[in-house]
Structure formats: structure tokens, C-alpha cells
Amino acid sequence: MLRIDNKVFAPMITRALPVREVEMEVVFGTPSKNCEGTGVCLLTERLPKRHIITCPHAPVIIHYPPGRELIFRFIKSHLTEAVVEQYFNTNHFLVEEAFRLPLPLVRRWRLPVRLVKPGHYLLEEYSREWRLYIPF
């Protein structure tokens, strides 16, 4: 599925919108299956470089254009081959079970939801990153 923005470029900007971006760590999997399965098991602060966990995980940059959707940006050079093969091999990202967004993030950005529902979410590949779109 290809995302196309049909809005016309407006040459005059009336006010600057705040940049809402944070770097976090995604632990992949299904929460009730001890991180087996597909989806997001946990979204947390960045893990220290020498911190070892057995579940597949990767750093993510989360962007929130106010009033739109969450955009998860996964930098390709930070993903292992196993993670790419398991979670980034189609144009959608399957979330088998709902997962919670961190409460400090929900409060800071005044997000309309705390729980991301199960479903298929749009996944786009770019030259240096994958983008996962989570609409509200």
C-alpha cells in the first residue's frame, strides 16, 4: 500500500509546530507469549549498549505530528538480519496483541490513546529506514 499525500503545498507557514520526537527501544513480540509472536512486547527507554536481553529488540525514533499518528522510524543499520526477516519482510506490521504506550510519553504529547490495538499497520521501506505508522 502506497501512502500519497494529496495536500497542496502552502508557501506561507502561519505558525511553527513543535517537533515531537523521542528515541526509545522496541522489544518485539507478543506480551502474553513472553515476547514470542509478532508485534510490540514492550516500548521502553533506550537500553544501555552492553545490556543483554534475549528477546528481539531495536532502537526506534518515535515521531508524533500533533493530531495525526505515531510514526516509528527504524534505522536499517541498527536492525539485525533476524529482526528484519521476522518483522520487516512485508508492507505491513502485524500486532497480534495490544501493547501499552509509556505513560510519560502519553502525558507529554497528550496522546488520545494509551493502548495500541491489534491489527495490521502500514510499514514503508526507505533507503535508510523503515517507517511504521500507528493511526489513532
Foldseek 3Di string as FASTA:
>chain_A
DDDDDPDDDDPDDPDDFDWDKDKWKFFAAACVVVRHHGDTNDIGHHDPPPDDDDTAMWMWMWTDDPPWWIKTKGFPVGHDPVCCVPAVPDQWGFHPAKDFDDPVSCVVRVDPDGIQGTDIWGWDDDPGIIITTGGD
